[in-house]
Amino acid sequence: MSFIKSLCYFLLAGFCEIGGGYLVWLWLREGKSFFVAIAGWLLLILYGIVPALQPANFGRIYAAYGGVFVILSLLWGWKIDRIPPDFPDLIGCFLVALGVVIMMYYPRG
């Protein structure tokens, strides 16, 4: 599987999980419509499906996705909640991204 295709799966999974969680948050915390919660639940179901499209084993995919989730969560907070990442956030994201690349794409025997 190509690096780009794998990266797209990670991004799609992140959108599904963070977007779904955010919609449920809006329903519970901000009184949005029950239909907002249903949309969130559907996205969360898709999040459970998308990682299965990756070629690696379950543990490695979810470990690497944890790093992707950290990065996407900070980006979500920056763009949606208008809270920009600070310098320690950026250093952490760099280190997490490095870990994801090593776990997922380092050539193995």
PDB file of N, CA and C in Angstrom:
ATOM      1  N   MET A   1       0.848  -1.180   0.000  1.00  0.00           N
ATOM      2  CA  MET A   1       0.000   0.000   0.000  1.00  0.00           C
ATOM      3  C   MET A   1       0.889   1.237   0.000  1.00  0.00           C
ATOM      4  N   SER A   2       0.479   2.212  -0.740  1.00  0.00           N
ATOM      5  CA  SER A   2       1.298   3.412  -0.820  1.00  0.00           C
ATOM      6  C   SER A   2       1.189   4.243   0.457  1.00  0.00           C
ATOM      7  N   PHE A   3       2.225   5.008   0.681  1.00  0.00           N
ATOM      8  CA  PHE A   3       2.274   5.898   1.832  1.00  0.00           C
ATOM      9  C   PHE A   3       1.099   6.883   1.792  1.00  0.00           C
ATOM     10  N   ILE A   4       0.806   7.430   0.615  1.00  0.00           N
ATOM     11  CA  ILE A   4      -0.264   8.424   0.472  1.00  0.00           C
ATOM     12  C   ILE A   4      -1.628   7.811   0.802  1.00  0.00           C
ATOM     13  N   LYS A   5      -1.879   6.599   0.301  1.00  0.00           N
ATOM     14  CA  LYS A   5      -3.152   5.941   0.574  1.00  0.00           C
ATOM     15  C   LYS A   5      -3.305   5.666   2.071  1.00  0.00           C
ATOM     16  N   SER A   6      -2.245   5.195   2.697  1.00  0.00           N
ATOM     17  CA  SER A   6      -2.260   4.926   4.133  1.00  0.00           C
ATOM     18  C   SER A   6      -2.502   6.213   4.915  1.00  0.00           C
ATOM     19  N   LEU A   7      -1.833   7.280   4.531  1.00  0.00           N
ATOM     20  CA  LEU A   7      -2.006   8.569   5.191  1.00  0.00           C
ATOM     21  C   LEU A   7      -3.453   9.057   5.049  1.00  0.00           C
ATOM     22  N   CYS A   8      -4.040   8.854   3.875  1.00  0.00           N
ATOM     23  CA  CYS A   8      -5.448   9.237   3.666  1.00  0.00           C
ATOM     24  C   CYS A   8      -6.370   8.461   4.599  1.00  0.00           C
ATOM     25  N   TYR A   9      -6.096   7.173   4.816  1.00  0.00           N
ATOM     26  CA  TYR A   9      -6.898   6.388   5.759  1.00  0.00           C
ATOM     27  C   TYR A   9      -6.770   6.941   7.180  1.00  0.00           C
ATOM     28  N   PHE A  10      -5.554   7.314   7.571  1.00  0.00           N
ATOM     29  CA  PHE A  10      -5.365   7.894   8.900  1.00  0.00           C
ATOM     30  C   PHE A  10      -6.146   9.208   9.029  1.00  0.00           C
ATOM     31  N   LEU A  11      -6.081  10.048   8.002  1.00  0.00           N
ATOM     32  CA  LEU A  11      -6.789  11.324   8.050  1.00  0.00           C
ATOM     33  C   LEU A  11      -8.305  11.121   8.080  1.00  0.00           C
ATOM     34  N   LEU A  12      -8.793  10.180   7.286  1.00  0.00           N
ATOM     35  CA  LEU A  12     -10.222   9.883   7.284  1.00  0.00           C
ATOM     36  C   LEU A  12     -10.670   9.348   8.642  1.00  0.00           C
ATOM     37  N   ALA A  13      -9.892   8.443   9.211  1.00  0.00           N
ATOM     38  CA  ALA A  13     -10.219   7.909  10.534  1.00  0.00           C
ATOM     39  C   ALA A  13     -10.239   9.037  11.565  1.00  0.00           C
ATOM     40  N   GLY A  14      -9.272   9.943  11.479  1.00  0.00           N
ATOM     41  CA  GLY A  14      -9.220  11.070  12.408  1.00  0.00           C
ATOM     42  C   GLY A  14     -10.425  11.971  12.284  1.00  0.00           C
ATOM     43  N   PHE A  15     -10.814  12.274  11.051  1.00  0.00           N
ATOM     44  CA  PHE A  15     -12.000  13.095  10.848  1.00  0.00           C
ATOM     45  C   PHE A  15     -13.237  12.410  11.427  1.00  0.00           C
ATOM     46  N   CYS A  16     -13.351  11.115  11.171  1.00  0.00           N
ATOM     47  CA  CYS A  16     -14.516  10.379  11.686  1.00  0.00           C
ATOM     48  C   CYS A  16     -14.552  10.367  13.211  1.00  0.00           C
ATOM     49  N   GLU A  17     -13.412  10.097  13.835  1.00  0.00           N
ATOM     50  CA  GLU A  17     -13.403  10.016  15.300  1.00  0.00           C
ATOM     51  C   GLU A  17     -13.568  11.387  15.943  1.00  0.00           C
ATOM     52  N   ILE A  18     -12.764  12.339  15.524  1.00  0.00           N
ATOM     53  CA  ILE A  18     -12.821  13.664  16.150  1.00  0.00           C
ATOM     54  C   ILE A  18     -14.126  14.364  15.782  1.00  0.00           C
ATOM     55  N   GLY A  19     -14.518  14.287  14.516  1.00  0.00           N
ATOM     56  CA  GLY A  19     -15.782  14.904  14.099  1.00  0.00           C
ATOM     57  C   GLY A  19     -16.972  14.265  14.778  1.00  0.00           C
ATOM     58  N   GLY A  20     -16.975  12.937  14.861  1.00  0.00           N
ATOM     59  CA  GLY A  20     -18.072  12.239  15.530  1.00  0.00           C
ATOM     60  C   GLY A  20     -18.143  12.583  17.003  1.00  0.00           C
ATOM     61  N   GLY A  21     -16.991  12.563  17.651  1.00  0.00           N
ATOM     62  CA  GLY A  21     -16.947  12.931  19.062  1.00  0.00           C
ATOM     63  C   GLY A  21     -17.387  14.367  19.295  1.00  0.00           C
ATOM     64  N   TYR A  22     -17.007  15.251  18.383  1.00  0.00           N
ATOM     65  CA  TYR A  22     -17.381  16.659  18.507  1.00  0.00           C
ATOM     66  C   TYR A  22     -18.889  16.839  18.370  1.00  0.00           C
ATOM     67  N   LEU A  23     -19.516  16.110  17.438  1.00  0.00           N
ATOM     68  CA  LEU A  23     -20.959  16.215  17.268  1.00  0.00           C
ATOM     69  C   LEU A  23     -21.698  15.696  18.507  1.00  0.00           C
ATOM     70  N   VAL A  24     -21.222  14.597  19.084  1.00  0.00           N
ATOM     71  CA  VAL A  24     -21.828  14.096  20.317  1.00  0.00           C
ATOM     72  C   VAL A  24     -21.623  15.116  21.445  1.00  0.00           C
ATOM     73  N   TRP A  25     -20.447  15.714  21.505  1.00  0.00           N
ATOM     74  CA  TRP A  25     -20.154  16.765  22.485  1.00  0.00           C
ATOM     75  C   TRP A  25     -21.162  17.904  22.343  1.00  0.00           C
ATOM     76  N   LEU A  26     -21.400  18.354  21.099  1.00  0.00           N
ATOM     77  CA  LEU A  26     -22.348  19.448  20.872  1.00  0.00           C
ATOM     78  C   LEU A  26     -23.749  19.082  21.348  1.00  0.00           C
ATOM     79  N   TRP A  27     -24.131  17.843  21.138  1.00  0.00           N
ATOM     80  CA  TRP A  27     -25.451  17.383  21.572  1.00  0.00           C
ATOM     81  C   TRP A  27     -25.550  17.374  23.095  1.00  0.00           C
ATOM     82  N   LEU A  28     -24.541  16.803  23.746  1.00  0.00           N
ATOM     83  CA  LEU A  28     -24.588  16.671  25.206  1.00  0.00           C
ATOM     84  C   LEU A  28     -24.295  17.976  25.940  1.00  0.00           C
ATOM     85  N   ARG A  29     -23.340  18.720  25.468  1.00  0.00           N
ATOM     86  CA  ARG A  29     -22.872  19.883  26.212  1.00  0.00           C
ATOM     87  C   ARG A  29     -23.506  21.200  25.791  1.00  0.00           C
ATOM     88  N   GLU A  30     -23.979  21.249  24.535  1.00  0.00           N
ATOM     89  CA  GLU A  30     -24.488  22.526  24.042  1.00  0.00           C
ATOM     90  C   GLU A  30     -25.938  22.448  23.567  1.00  0.00           C
ATOM     91  N   GLY A  31     -26.594  21.323  23.874  1.00  0.00           N
ATOM     92  CA  GLY A  31     -28.015  21.215  23.609  1.00  0.00           C
ATOM     93  C   GLY A  31     -28.417  21.152  22.151  1.00  0.00           C
ATOM     94  N   LYS A  32     -27.521  20.716  21.285  1.00  0.00           N
ATOM     95  CA  LYS A  32     -27.867  20.584  19.863  1.00  0.00           C
ATOM     96  C   LYS A  32     -28.863  19.442  19.675  1.00  0.00           C
ATOM     97  N   SER A  33     -29.442  19.396  18.509  1.00  0.00           N
ATOM     98  CA  SER A  33     -30.473  18.417  18.169  1.00  0.00           C
ATOM     99  C   SER A  33     -29.973  16.976  18.308  1.00  0.00           C
ATOM    100  N   PHE A  34     -30.915  16.083  18.599  1.00  0.00           N
ATOM    101  CA  PHE A  34     -30.606  14.655  18.663  1.00  0.00           C
ATOM    102  C   PHE A  34     -30.056  14.152  17.337  1.00  0.00           C
ATOM    103  N   PHE A  35     -30.428  14.786  16.240  1.00  0.00           N
ATOM    104  CA  PHE A  35     -29.921  14.394  14.923  1.00  0.00           C
ATOM    105  C   PHE A  35     -28.421  14.676  14.789  1.00  0.00           C
ATOM    106  N   VAL A  36     -27.951  15.677  15.506  1.00  0.00           N
ATOM    107  CA  VAL A  36     -26.508  15.946  15.552  1.00  0.00           C
ATOM    108  C   VAL A  36     -25.800  14.766  16.208  1.00  0.00           C
ATOM    109  N   ALA A  37     -26.383  14.236  17.276  1.00  0.00           N
ATOM    110  CA  ALA A  37     -25.811  13.068  17.952  1.00  0.00           C
ATOM    111  C   ALA A  37     -25.812  11.859  17.027  1.00  0.00           C
ATOM    112  N   ILE A  38     -26.886  11.654  16.288  1.00  0.00           N
ATOM    113  CA  ILE A  38     -26.956  10.517  15.358  1.00  0.00           C
ATOM    114  C   ILE A  38     -25.868  10.626  14.304  1.00  0.00           C
ATOM    115  N   ALA A  39     -25.672  11.831  13.773  1.00  0.00           N
ATOM    116  CA  ALA A  39     -24.591  12.034  12.786  1.00  0.00           C
ATOM    117  C   ALA A  39     -23.240  11.716  13.426  1.00  0.00           C
ATOM    118  N   GLY A  40     -23.056  12.128  14.680  1.00  0.00           N
ATOM    119  CA  GLY A  40     -21.809  11.830  15.384  1.00  0.00           C
ATOM    120  C   GLY A  40     -21.607  10.340  15.558  1.00  0.00           C
ATOM    121  N   TRP A  41     -22.669   9.645  15.944  1.00  0.00           N
ATOM    122  CA  TRP A  41     -22.557   8.189  16.122  1.00  0.00           C
ATOM    123  C   TRP A  41     -22.220   7.490  14.811  1.00  0.00           C
ATOM    124  N   LEU A  42     -22.805   7.957  13.718  1.00  0.00           N
ATOM    125  CA  LEU A  42     -22.498   7.354  12.413  1.00  0.00           C
ATOM    126  C   LEU A  42     -21.026   7.558  12.044  1.00  0.00           C
ATOM    127  N   LEU A  43     -20.520   8.752  12.316  1.00  0.00           N
ATOM    128  CA  LEU A  43     -19.093   8.990  12.069  1.00  0.00           C
ATOM    129  C   LEU A  43     -18.222   8.093  12.942  1.00  0.00           C
ATOM    130  N   LEU A  44     -18.625   7.902  14.190  1.00  0.00           N
ATOM    131  CA  LEU A  44     -17.850   7.036  15.082  1.00  0.00           C
ATOM    132  C   LEU A  44     -17.889   5.578  14.622  1.00  0.00           C
ATOM    133  N   ILE A  45     -19.003   5.149  14.060  1.00  0.00           N
ATOM    134  CA  ILE A  45     -19.060   3.800  13.485  1.00  0.00           C
ATOM    135  C   ILE A  45     -18.086   3.695  12.313  1.00  0.00           C
ATOM    136  N   LEU A  46     -18.072   4.708  11.453  1.00  0.00           N
ATOM    137  CA  LEU A  46     -17.123   4.699  10.332  1.00  0.00           C
ATOM    138  C   LEU A  46     -15.682   4.676  10.822  1.00  0.00           C
ATOM    139  N   TYR A  47     -15.432   5.399  11.931  1.00  0.00           N
ATOM    140  CA  TYR A  47     -14.085   5.382  12.505  1.00  0.00           C
ATOM    141  C   TYR A  47     -13.668   3.953  12.866  1.00  0.00           C
ATOM    142  N   GLY A  48     -14.606   3.147  13.315  1.00  0.00           N
ATOM    143  CA  GLY A  48     -14.292   1.752  13.641  1.00  0.00           C
ATOM    144  C   GLY A  48     -13.981   0.911  12.421  1.00  0.00           C
ATOM    145  N   ILE A  49     -14.426   1.339  11.248  1.00  0.00           N
ATOM    146  CA  ILE A  49     -14.231   0.589  10.009  1.00  0.00           C
ATOM    147  C   ILE A  49     -12.960   0.995   9.271  1.00  0.00           C
ATOM    148  N   VAL A  50     -12.719   2.290   9.187  1.00  0.00           N
ATOM    149  CA  VAL A  50     -11.625   2.806   8.350  1.00  0.00           C
ATOM    150  C   VAL A  50     -10.254   2.217   8.701  1.00  0.00           C
ATOM    151  N   PRO A  51      -9.858   2.111   9.972  1.00  0.00           N
ATOM    152  CA  PRO A  51      -8.526   1.561  10.246  1.00  0.00           C
ATOM    153  C   PRO A  51      -8.330   0.129   9.743  1.00  0.00           C
ATOM    154  N   ALA A  52      -9.415  -0.607   9.585  1.00  0.00           N
ATOM    155  CA  ALA A  52      -9.297  -1.982   9.084  1.00  0.00           C
ATOM    156  C   ALA A  52      -8.812  -2.023   7.635  1.00  0.00           C
ATOM    157  N   LEU A  53      -8.812  -0.892   6.962  1.00  0.00           N
ATOM    158  CA  LEU A  53      -8.335  -0.829   5.578  1.00  0.00           C
ATOM    159  C   LEU A  53      -6.816  -0.721   5.495  1.00  0.00           C
ATOM    160  N   GLN A  54      -6.172  -0.438   6.626  1.00  0.00           N
ATOM    161  CA  GLN A  54      -4.704  -0.359   6.667  1.00  0.00           C
ATOM    162  C   GLN A  54      -4.109  -1.764   6.585  1.00  0.00           C
ATOM    163  N   PRO A  55      -2.893  -1.897   6.057  1.00  0.00           N
ATOM    164  CA  PRO A  55      -2.307  -3.221   5.862  1.00  0.00           C
ATOM    165  C   PRO A  55      -1.641  -3.833   7.090  1.00  0.00           C
ATOM    166  N   ALA A  56      -1.346  -3.056   8.104  1.00  0.00           N
ATOM    167  CA  ALA A  56      -0.593  -3.566   9.253  1.00  0.00           C
ATOM    168  C   ALA A  56      -1.527  -4.255  10.249  1.00  0.00           C
ATOM    169  N   ASN A  57      -0.932  -4.771  11.332  1.00  0.00           N
ATOM    170  CA  ASN A  57      -1.731  -5.444  12.358  1.00  0.00           C
ATOM    171  C   ASN A  57      -2.462  -4.418  13.233  1.00  0.00           C
ATOM    172  N   PHE A  58      -3.483  -4.890  13.930  1.00  0.00           N
ATOM    173  CA  PHE A  58      -4.365  -4.033  14.734  1.00  0.00           C
ATOM    174  C   PHE A  58      -3.585  -3.169  15.725  1.00  0.00           C
ATOM    175  N   GLY A  59      -2.714  -3.787  16.506  1.00  0.00           N
ATOM    176  CA  GLY A  59      -1.981  -3.046  17.532  1.00  0.00           C
ATOM    177  C   GLY A  59      -1.122  -1.937  16.958  1.00  0.00           C
ATOM    178  N   ARG A  60      -0.421  -2.221  15.883  1.00  0.00           N
ATOM    179  CA  ARG A  60       0.443  -1.210  15.274  1.00  0.00           C
ATOM    180  C   ARG A  60      -0.391  -0.072  14.698  1.00  0.00           C
ATOM    181  N   ILE A  61      -1.483  -0.411  14.028  1.00  0.00           N
ATOM    182  CA  ILE A  61      -2.327   0.634  13.432  1.00  0.00           C
ATOM    183  C   ILE A  61      -2.891   1.548  14.511  1.00  0.00           C
ATOM    184  N   TYR A  62      -3.413   0.965  15.572  1.00  0.00           N
ATOM    185  CA  TYR A  62      -4.024   1.800  16.611  1.00  0.00           C
ATOM    186  C   TYR A  62      -2.978   2.581  17.398  1.00  0.00           C
ATOM    187  N   ALA A  63      -1.804   2.035  17.571  1.00  0.00           N
ATOM    188  CA  ALA A  63      -0.724   2.778  18.233  1.00  0.00           C
ATOM    189  C   ALA A  63      -0.319   3.973  17.373  1.00  0.00           C
ATOM    190  N   ALA A  64      -0.128   3.727  16.083  1.00  0.00           N
ATOM    191  CA  ALA A  64       0.235   4.813  15.185  1.00  0.00           C
ATOM    192  C   ALA A  64      -0.899   5.824  15.076  1.00  0.00           C
ATOM    193  N   TYR A  65      -2.134   5.323  15.023  1.00  0.00           N
ATOM    194  CA  TYR A  65      -3.261   6.242  14.928  1.00  0.00           C
ATOM    195  C   TYR A  65      -3.354   7.140  16.165  1.00  0.00           C
ATOM    196  N   GLY A  66      -2.938   6.620  17.320  1.00  0.00           N
ATOM    197  CA  GLY A  66      -2.921   7.456  18.521  1.00  0.00           C
ATOM    198  C   GLY A  66      -2.098   8.716  18.297  1.00  0.00           C
ATOM    199  N   GLY A  67      -0.978   8.573  17.609  1.00  0.00           N
ATOM    200  CA  GLY A  67      -0.155   9.735  17.275  1.00  0.00           C
ATOM    201  C   GLY A  67      -0.845  10.664  16.294  1.00  0.00           C
ATOM    202  N   VAL A  68      -1.477  10.083  15.298  1.00  0.00           N
ATOM    203  CA  VAL A  68      -2.216  10.892  14.323  1.00  0.00           C
ATOM    204  C   VAL A  68      -3.340  11.646  15.035  1.00  0.00           C
ATOM    205  N   PHE A  69      -4.007  10.966  15.963  1.00  0.00           N
ATOM    206  CA  PHE A  69      -5.094  11.592  16.716  1.00  0.00           C
ATOM    207  C   PHE A  69      -4.597  12.810  17.496  1.00  0.00           C
ATOM    208  N   VAL A  70      -3.417  12.707  18.103  1.00  0.00           N
ATOM    209  CA  VAL A  70      -2.851  13.840  18.849  1.00  0.00           C
ATOM    210  C   VAL A  70      -2.690  15.041  17.926  1.00  0.00           C
ATOM    211  N   ILE A  71      -2.110  14.814  16.775  1.00  0.00           N
ATOM    212  CA  ILE A  71      -1.863  15.908  15.826  1.00  0.00           C
ATOM    213  C   ILE A  71      -3.181  16.495  15.325  1.00  0.00           C
ATOM    214  N   LEU A  72      -4.102  15.630  14.897  1.00  0.00           N
ATOM    215  CA  LEU A  72      -5.377  16.120  14.371  1.00  0.00           C
ATOM    216  C   LEU A  72      -6.207  16.822  15.434  1.00  0.00           C
ATOM    217  N   SER A  73      -6.120  16.366  16.671  1.00  0.00           N
ATOM    218  CA  SER A  73      -6.864  17.019  17.754  1.00  0.00           C
ATOM    219  C   SER A  73      -6.369  18.442  17.979  1.00  0.00           C
ATOM    220  N   LEU A  74      -5.063  18.632  17.943  1.00  0.00           N
ATOM    221  CA  LEU A  74      -4.533  19.989  18.089  1.00  0.00           C
ATOM    222  C   LEU A  74      -4.927  20.863  16.902  1.00  0.00           C
ATOM    223  N   LEU A  75      -4.904  20.303  15.699  1.00  0.00           N
ATOM    224  CA  LEU A  75      -5.340  21.070  14.528  1.00  0.00           C
ATOM    225  C   LEU A  75      -6.826  21.423  14.630  1.00  0.00           C
ATOM    226  N   TRP A  76      -7.639  20.466  15.098  1.00  0.00           N
ATOM    227  CA  TRP A  76      -9.073  20.712  15.286  1.00  0.00           C
ATOM    228  C   TRP A  76      -9.271  21.860  16.283  1.00  0.00           C
ATOM    229  N   GLY A  77      -8.573  21.789  17.400  1.00  0.00           N
ATOM    230  CA  GLY A  77      -8.684  22.847  18.398  1.00  0.00           C
ATOM    231  C   GLY A  77      -8.272  24.207  17.857  1.00  0.00           C
ATOM    232  N   TRP A  78      -7.279  24.205  16.988  1.00  0.00           N
ATOM    233  CA  TRP A  78      -6.789  25.456  16.406  1.00  0.00           C
ATOM    234  C   TRP A  78      -7.815  26.035  15.445  1.00  0.00           C
ATOM    235  N   LYS A  79      -8.357  25.196  14.565  1.00  0.00           N
ATOM    236  CA  LYS A  79      -9.259  25.691  13.526  1.00  0.00           C
ATOM    237  C   LYS A  79     -10.704  25.828  13.994  1.00  0.00           C
ATOM    238  N   ILE A  80     -11.183  24.931  14.825  1.00  0.00           N
ATOM    239  CA  ILE A  80     -12.590  24.951  15.241  1.00  0.00           C
ATOM    240  C   ILE A  80     -12.770  25.762  16.522  1.00  0.00           C
ATOM    241  N   ASP A  81     -11.926  25.508  17.531  1.00  0.00           N
ATOM    242  CA  ASP A  81     -12.057  26.198  18.820  1.00  0.00           C
ATOM    243  C   ASP A  81     -11.212  27.476  18.895  1.00  0.00           C
ATOM    244  N   ARG A  82     -10.420  27.735  17.870  1.00  0.00           N
ATOM    245  CA  ARG A  82      -9.578  28.938  17.783  1.00  0.00           C
ATOM    246  C   ARG A  82      -8.544  29.027  18.903  1.00  0.00           C
ATOM    247  N   ILE A  83      -7.972  27.848  19.278  1.00  0.00           N
ATOM    248  CA  ILE A  83      -6.909  27.821  20.282  1.00  0.00           C
ATOM    249  C   ILE A  83      -5.647  27.321  19.583  1.00  0.00           C
ATOM    250  N   PRO A  84      -4.745  28.239  19.231  1.00  0.00           N
ATOM    251  CA  PRO A  84      -3.561  27.830  18.477  1.00  0.00           C
ATOM    252  C   PRO A  84      -2.601  26.991  19.330  1.00  0.00           C
ATOM    253  N   PRO A  85      -1.931  26.031  18.689  1.00  0.00           N
ATOM    254  CA  PRO A  85      -0.923  25.264  19.433  1.00  0.00           C
ATOM    255  C   PRO A  85       0.250  26.164  19.790  1.00  0.00           C
ATOM    256  N   ASP A  86       0.842  25.907  20.946  1.00  0.00           N
ATOM    257  CA  ASP A  86       2.019  26.671  21.345  1.00  0.00           C
ATOM    258  C   ASP A  86       3.277  25.859  21.018  1.00  0.00           C
ATOM    259  N   PHE A  87       4.427  26.390  21.385  1.00  0.00           N
ATOM    260  CA  PHE A  87       5.692  25.750  21.024  1.00  0.00           C
ATOM    261  C   PHE A  87       5.820  24.322  21.564  1.00  0.00           C
ATOM    262  N   PRO A  88       5.496  24.065  22.833  1.00  0.00           N
ATOM    263  CA  PRO A  88       5.559  22.675  23.306  1.00  0.00           C
ATOM    264  C   PRO A  88       4.609  21.747  22.545  1.00  0.00           C
ATOM    265  N   ASP A  89       3.437  22.264  22.148  1.00  0.00           N
ATOM    266  CA  ASP A  89       2.521  21.458  21.330  1.00  0.00           C
ATOM    267  C   ASP A  89       3.183  21.074  20.010  1.00  0.00           C
ATOM    268  N   LEU A  90       3.844  22.036  19.391  1.00  0.00           N
ATOM    269  CA  LEU A  90       4.486  21.776  18.100  1.00  0.00           C
ATOM    270  C   LEU A  90       5.629  20.769  18.227  1.00  0.00           C
ATOM    271  N   ILE A  91       6.419  20.888  19.287  1.00  0.00           N
ATOM    272  CA  ILE A  91       7.492  19.916  19.516  1.00  0.00           C
ATOM    273  C   ILE A  91       6.895  18.529  19.731  1.00  0.00           C
ATOM    274  N   GLY A  92       5.860  18.454  20.560  1.00  0.00           N
ATOM    275  CA  GLY A  92       5.195  17.177  20.802  1.00  0.00           C
ATOM    276  C   GLY A  92       4.639  16.575  19.522  1.00  0.00           C
ATOM    277  N   CYS A  93       4.015  17.388  18.692  1.00  0.00           N
ATOM    278  CA  CYS A  93       3.471  16.894  17.422  1.00  0.00           C
ATOM    279  C   CYS A  93       4.573  16.371  16.513  1.00  0.00           C
ATOM    280  N   PHE A  94       5.685  17.062  16.482  1.00  0.00           N
ATOM    281  CA  PHE A  94       6.808  16.593  15.664  1.00  0.00           C
ATOM    282  C   PHE A  94       7.287  15.224  16.142  1.00  0.00           C
ATOM    283  N   LEU A  95       7.451  15.079  17.446  1.00  0.00           N
ATOM    284  CA  LEU A  95       7.916  13.805  17.999  1.00  0.00           C
ATOM    285  C   LEU A  95       6.895  12.683  17.764  1.00  0.00           C
ATOM    286  N   VAL A  96       5.627  13.009  17.939  1.00  0.00           N
ATOM    287  CA  VAL A  96       4.577  12.016  17.708  1.00  0.00           C
ATOM    288  C   VAL A  96       4.564  11.609  16.233  1.00  0.00           C
ATOM    289  N   ALA A  97       4.657  12.587  15.330  1.00  0.00           N
ATOM    290  CA  ALA A  97       4.662  12.285  13.891  1.00  0.00           C
ATOM    291  C   ALA A  97       5.854  11.405  13.535  1.00  0.00           C
ATOM    292  N   LEU A  98       7.000  11.683  14.117  1.00  0.00           N
ATOM    293  CA  LEU A  98       8.177  10.851  13.878  1.00  0.00           C
ATOM    294  C   LEU A  98       7.914   9.415  14.336  1.00  0.00           C
ATOM    295  N   GLY A  99       7.297   9.263  15.488  1.00  0.00           N
ATOM    296  CA  GLY A  99       6.956   7.930  15.987  1.00  0.00           C
ATOM    297  C   GLY A  99       5.993   7.201  15.068  1.00  0.00           C
ATOM    298  N   VAL A 100       4.997   7.904  14.557  1.00  0.00           N
ATOM    299  CA  VAL A 100       4.026   7.293  13.639  1.00  0.00           C
ATOM    300  C   VAL A 100       4.729   6.797  12.383  1.00  0.00           C
ATOM    301  N   VAL A 101       5.579   7.634  11.812  1.00  0.00           N
ATOM    302  CA  VAL A 101       6.292   7.255  10.584  1.00  0.00           C
ATOM    303  C   VAL A 101       7.165   6.037  10.832  1.00  0.00           C
ATOM    304  N   ILE A 102       7.866   6.008  11.947  1.00  0.00           N
ATOM    305  CA  ILE A 102       8.717   4.856  12.252  1.00  0.00           C
ATOM    306  C   ILE A 102       7.877   3.594  12.437  1.00  0.00           C
ATOM    307  N   MET A 103       6.815   3.681  13.218  1.00  0.00           N
ATOM    308  CA  MET A 103       5.991   2.487  13.473  1.00  0.00           C
ATOM    309  C   MET A 103       5.352   1.939  12.205  1.00  0.00           C
ATOM    310  N   MET A 104       4.829   2.819  11.382  1.00  0.00           N
ATOM    311  CA  MET A 104       4.046   2.368  10.229  1.00  0.00           C
ATOM    312  C   MET A 104       4.880   2.079   8.980  1.00  0.00           C
ATOM    313  N   TYR A 105       5.923   2.853   8.767  1.00  0.00           N
ATOM    314  CA  TYR A 105       6.564   2.830   7.439  1.00  0.00           C
ATOM    315  C   TYR A 105       8.022   2.407   7.434  1.00  0.00           C
ATOM    316  N   TYR A 106       8.597   2.133   8.602  1.00  0.00           N
ATOM    317  CA  TYR A 106       9.981   1.665   8.615  1.00  0.00           C
ATOM    318  C   TYR A 106      10.026   0.288   7.964  1.00  0.00           C
ATOM    319  N   PRO A 107      10.954   0.084   7.028  1.00  0.00           N
ATOM    320  CA  PRO A 107      11.001  -1.224   6.350  1.00  0.00           C
ATOM    321  C   PRO A 107      11.314  -2.342   7.325  1.00  0.00           C
ATOM    322  N   ARG A 108      10.546  -3.381   7.215  1.00  0.00           N
ATOM    323  CA  ARG A 108      10.746  -4.569   8.055  1.00  0.00           C
ATOM    324  C   ARG A 108      11.075  -5.753   7.165  1.00  0.00           C
ATOM    325  N   GLY A 109      11.838  -6.689   7.752  1.00  0.00           N
ATOM    326  CA  GLY A 109      12.304  -7.869   7.038  1.00  0.00           C
ATOM    327  C   GLY A 109      11.254  -8.577   6.282  1.00  0.00           C
TER     328      GLY A 109
END
